[in-house]
Amino acid sequence: MGRYNTAVTFINSQFSNSYPDSVRYQLRYQQILCAYLAGQFENTRSLLERLPVEHPGAPYSPLLECIRVFTLNELHRWAEAAVAYREAIGRLGADTTSDDPYRRLPKLKRESKAQWLSTFLPGAGQLYAGKPGEAILSILVQSAGLYFGVTSFLNAYYLSAWGVGAALFGSFHAGGVRRSQALVRQYNQRQISAFNERVKKRLLYQSSPDSASGR
């Protein structure tokens, strides 16, 4: 049903019961999976760190090792993710130096820079986020509001200048700033998702039976 947040909460409530250690391990295992699928990346990282402390004799899990890598990627903890990735690849018996995706980390953009650009140069934030079409539209709309306001003021239509021109410019200017930040977030998420996919394919390929047999 995709109700992963609810599943995490339900599993957490079960730890007050007197289950044997093997059942508690399976509960924790499923809780980690659900936390990751729910997008609770900080919680996932915390649960992964607690698992070997709570269950020091638990068997190695390739899936949890992969989730550790993906979670650290989502949190932009690249150095830790690189170490976890190389450990996972090494456990699978693969070459840790061949085709290492962490040599080419995703190039992310800064929301603060998009905000600064949009504040002082209308449309520049959208252009920085990789959306030239939206940048042009933002420039045109804000310029229209500014032109209307200035023209009305020069012709002594002060109410129209402030009530329409200034309001139109101010509204679209503030909206342009917020939009540029949202576009940067979307851009960064696409970059991280694409990077995660490359890492996933690499790990899943190495853990497949055909890869293990050399075929």
Protein backbone atom coordinates (compact mmCIF):
# COMPACT_ATOMS: atom_id res chain seq x y z
CA MET A 1 0.00 0.00 0.00
CA GLY A 2 3.02 2.30 0.13
CA ARG A 3 2.28 3.48 3.70
CA TYR A 4 5.91 3.32 4.75
CA ASN A 5 5.73 6.06 7.40
CA THR A 6 2.90 4.21 9.12
CA ALA A 7 4.87 0.97 8.91
CA VAL A 8 7.90 2.58 10.58
CA THR A 9 5.73 3.84 13.45
CA PHE A 10 3.96 0.49 13.86
CA ILE A 11 7.22 -1.50 13.90
CA ASN A 12 8.71 0.89 16.45
CA SER A 13 5.75 0.23 18.76
CA GLN A 14 6.50 -3.52 18.68
CA PHE A 15 9.84 -3.23 20.46
CA SER A 16 8.08 -2.95 23.82
CA ASN A 17 7.00 -6.59 23.42
CA SER A 18 9.14 -9.48 24.67
CA TYR A 19 10.09 -10.92 21.30
CA PRO A 20 13.13 -13.17 20.92
CA ASP A 21 16.26 -11.59 19.49
CA SER A 22 15.76 -13.15 16.06
CA VAL A 23 12.30 -11.56 15.74
CA ARG A 24 13.57 -8.19 16.98
CA TYR A 25 16.28 -8.31 14.33
CA GLN A 26 13.71 -8.94 11.59
CA LEU A 27 11.58 -6.08 12.91
CA ARG A 28 14.55 -3.73 12.85
CA TYR A 29 15.49 -4.96 9.37
CA GLN A 30 11.99 -4.19 8.03
CA GLN A 31 11.94 -0.86 9.84
CA ILE A 32 15.13 0.19 8.07
CA LEU A 33 13.66 -0.77 4.69
CA CYS A 34 10.43 1.13 5.38
CA ALA A 35 12.28 4.19 6.71
CA TYR A 36 14.35 4.36 3.52
CA LEU A 37 11.31 3.91 1.28
CA ALA A 38 9.51 6.62 3.27
CA GLY A 39 12.34 9.05 2.58
CA GLN A 40 13.34 9.20 6.27
CA PHE A 41 17.03 9.26 5.43
CA GLU A 42 18.35 10.57 8.76
CA ASN A 43 16.25 7.99 10.57
CA THR A 44 17.48 5.28 8.21
CA ARG A 45 21.09 6.22 8.89
CA SER A 46 20.48 6.18 12.64
CA LEU A 47 18.77 2.78 12.51
CA LEU A 48 21.59 1.32 10.42
CA GLU A 49 24.14 2.52 12.97
CA ARG A 50 22.14 0.98 15.83
CA LEU A 51 21.69 -2.40 14.16
CA PRO A 52 25.21 -3.87 14.77
CA VAL A 53 25.12 -2.58 18.35
CA GLU A 54 21.76 -4.21 19.07
CA HIS A 55 22.55 -7.38 17.10
CA PRO A 56 26.35 -7.84 16.97
CA GLY A 57 26.05 -11.40 15.68
CA ALA A 58 23.59 -10.62 12.89
CA PRO A 59 24.45 -11.95 9.41
CA TYR A 60 25.77 -9.61 6.75
CA SER A 61 23.01 -8.18 4.55
CA PRO A 62 23.97 -6.99 1.04
CA LEU A 63 20.62 -5.15 0.79
CA LEU A 64 21.19 -3.15 3.97
CA GLU A 65 24.72 -2.38 2.80
CA CYS A 66 23.27 -0.96 -0.42
CA ILE A 67 20.67 1.04 1.50
CA ARG A 68 23.46 2.53 3.61
CA VAL A 69 25.16 3.79 0.45
CA PHE A 70 21.94 5.17 -1.07
CA THR A 71 20.99 6.87 2.20
CA LEU A 72 24.34 8.62 2.52
CA ASN A 73 23.99 9.75 -1.08
CA GLU A 74 20.57 11.26 -0.34
CA LEU A 75 22.08 13.11 2.63
CA HIS A 76 24.96 14.38 0.43
CA ARG A 77 27.48 12.73 2.77
CA TRP A 78 29.68 11.88 -0.17
CA ALA A 79 32.87 10.92 1.67
CA GLU A 80 31.03 8.45 3.92
CA ALA A 81 29.02 7.15 0.97
CA ALA A 82 32.21 6.52 -1.02
CA VAL A 83 33.69 4.49 1.85
CA ALA A 84 30.46 2.50 2.28
CA TYR A 85 30.27 1.89 -1.48
CA ARG A 86 33.84 0.60 -1.71
CA GLU A 87 33.27 -1.65 1.30
CA ALA A 88 30.12 -3.05 -0.33
CA ILE A 89 31.85 -3.61 -3.66
CA GLY A 90 34.79 -5.22 -1.87
CA ARG A 91 32.50 -7.64 -0.01
CA LEU A 92 31.04 -8.66 -3.36
CA GLY A 93 34.53 -9.49 -4.60
CA ALA A 94 34.59 -6.79 -7.29
CA ASP A 95 37.38 -4.42 -8.23
CA THR A 96 37.00 -1.37 -5.98
CA THR A 97 38.99 0.88 -8.33
CA SER A 98 37.22 0.05 -11.59
CA ASP A 99 34.47 2.43 -12.73
CA ASP A 100 34.16 4.10 -9.34
CA PRO A 101 31.20 6.53 -9.60
CA TYR A 102 32.48 8.55 -6.64
CA ARG A 103 35.27 9.89 -8.79
CA ARG A 104 32.59 11.94 -10.58
CA LEU A 105 30.25 13.32 -7.95
CA PRO A 106 27.09 15.15 -9.04
CA LYS A 107 27.56 18.87 -9.49
CA LEU A 108 24.90 20.51 -7.35
CA LYS A 109 23.78 24.12 -7.41
CA ARG A 110 23.16 26.41 -4.45
CA GLU A 111 19.71 27.72 -3.60
CA SER A 112 21.26 30.77 -1.93
CA LYS A 113 22.99 31.71 -5.18
CA ALA A 114 19.74 31.34 -7.14
CA GLN A 115 18.01 33.54 -4.57
CA TRP A 116 20.72 36.19 -4.77
CA LEU A 117 20.71 36.21 -8.56
CA SER A 118 16.91 36.47 -8.79
CA THR A 119 16.84 39.24 -6.22
CA PHE A 120 19.19 41.54 -8.12
CA LEU A 121 18.79 40.28 -11.72
CA PRO A 122 15.26 39.14 -12.60
CA GLY A 123 15.37 35.82 -14.45
CA ALA A 124 19.02 35.14 -13.57
CA GLY A 125 18.09 32.61 -10.89
CA GLN A 126 15.97 30.61 -13.33
CA LEU A 127 18.77 30.75 -15.89
CA TYR A 128 21.22 29.50 -13.24
CA ALA A 129 18.81 26.64 -12.50
CA GLY A 130 18.91 25.62 -16.17
CA LYS A 131 15.51 26.98 -17.23
CA PRO A 132 16.14 29.68 -19.88
CA GLY A 133 12.48 29.69 -20.97
CA GLU A 134 11.27 30.52 -17.48
CA ALA A 135 14.06 33.09 -17.17
CA ILE A 136 12.84 34.94 -20.27
CA LEU A 137 9.22 34.81 -19.07
CA SER A 138 10.21 36.15 -15.65
CA ILE A 139 12.14 39.03 -17.25
CA LEU A 140 9.24 39.93 -19.54
CA VAL A 141 6.60 39.88 -16.82
CA GLN A 142 8.65 41.85 -14.32
CA SER A 143 9.71 44.32 -17.00
CA ALA A 144 6.08 44.81 -17.98
CA GLY A 145 5.12 45.58 -14.39
CA LEU A 146 8.04 47.96 -14.00
CA TYR A 147 7.31 49.70 -17.32
CA PHE A 148 3.64 50.12 -16.46
CA GLY A 149 4.50 51.52 -13.04
CA VAL A 150 7.07 54.00 -14.33
CA THR A 151 4.88 55.12 -17.24
CA SER A 152 1.88 55.62 -14.96
CA PHE A 153 3.96 57.59 -12.47
CA LEU A 154 5.38 59.87 -15.17
CA ASN A 155 1.85 60.54 -16.40
CA ALA A 156 0.71 61.37 -12.86
CA TYR A 157 -1.38 58.20 -12.48
CA TYR A 158 0.09 57.56 -9.06
CA LEU A 159 -2.58 55.14 -7.87
CA SER A 160 -2.13 52.95 -10.93
CA ALA A 161 1.64 53.22 -10.63
CA TRP A 162 1.66 51.85 -7.09
CA GLY A 163 -1.51 49.76 -7.10
CA VAL A 164 -0.90 47.98 -10.38
CA GLY A 165 2.64 48.50 -11.66
CA ALA A 166 4.53 48.23 -8.39
CA ALA A 167 2.27 45.46 -7.09
CA LEU A 168 2.68 43.45 -10.30
CA PHE A 169 6.45 43.89 -10.30
CA GLY A 170 6.78 43.10 -6.58
CA SER A 171 4.57 40.04 -6.77
CA PHE A 172 6.33 38.49 -9.73
CA HIS A 173 9.73 39.47 -8.38
CA ALA A 174 9.11 37.67 -5.08
CA GLY A 175 7.58 34.75 -6.95
CA GLY A 176 10.61 34.61 -9.25
CA VAL A 177 12.95 34.37 -6.26
CA ARG A 178 10.96 31.50 -4.75
CA ARG A 179 10.64 29.79 -8.12
CA SER A 180 14.38 29.91 -8.76
CA GLN A 181 15.02 28.19 -5.42
CA ALA A 182 12.45 25.50 -6.22
CA LEU A 183 14.03 24.95 -9.63
CA VAL A 184 17.47 24.51 -8.06
CA ARG A 185 16.04 21.94 -5.62
CA GLN A 186 14.50 20.06 -8.54
CA TYR A 187 17.76 20.23 -10.49
CA ASN A 188 19.77 18.93 -7.55
CA GLN A 189 17.30 16.11 -6.95
CA ARG A 190 17.56 15.03 -10.58
CA GLN A 191 21.36 15.02 -10.32
CA ILE A 192 21.31 12.98 -7.11
CA SER A 193 18.71 10.56 -8.51
CA ALA A 194 20.78 10.00 -11.66
CA PHE A 195 23.91 9.45 -9.57
CA ASN A 196 22.07 7.05 -7.26
CA GLU A 197 20.86 5.09 -10.28
CA ARG A 198 24.44 4.66 -11.51
CA VAL A 199 25.49 3.42 -8.07
CA LYS A 200 22.47 1.11 -7.83
CA LYS A 201 23.15 -0.45 -11.22
CA ARG A 202 26.77 -1.02 -10.28
CA LEU A 203 25.93 -2.65 -6.94
CA LEU A 204 23.05 -4.71 -8.29
CA TYR A 205 25.15 -5.91 -11.22
CA GLN A 206 27.96 -7.02 -8.92
CA SER A 207 25.52 -8.83 -6.62
CA SER A 208 23.73 -10.67 -9.45
CA PRO A 209 24.40 -14.44 -9.89
CA ASP A 210 25.63 -13.97 -13.48
CA SER A 211 28.19 -11.40 -12.37
CA ALA A 212 29.37 -13.61 -9.54
CA SER A 213 29.90 -16.51 -11.95
CA GLY A 214 31.80 -14.29 -14.37
CA ARG A 215 29.19 -14.42 -17.13
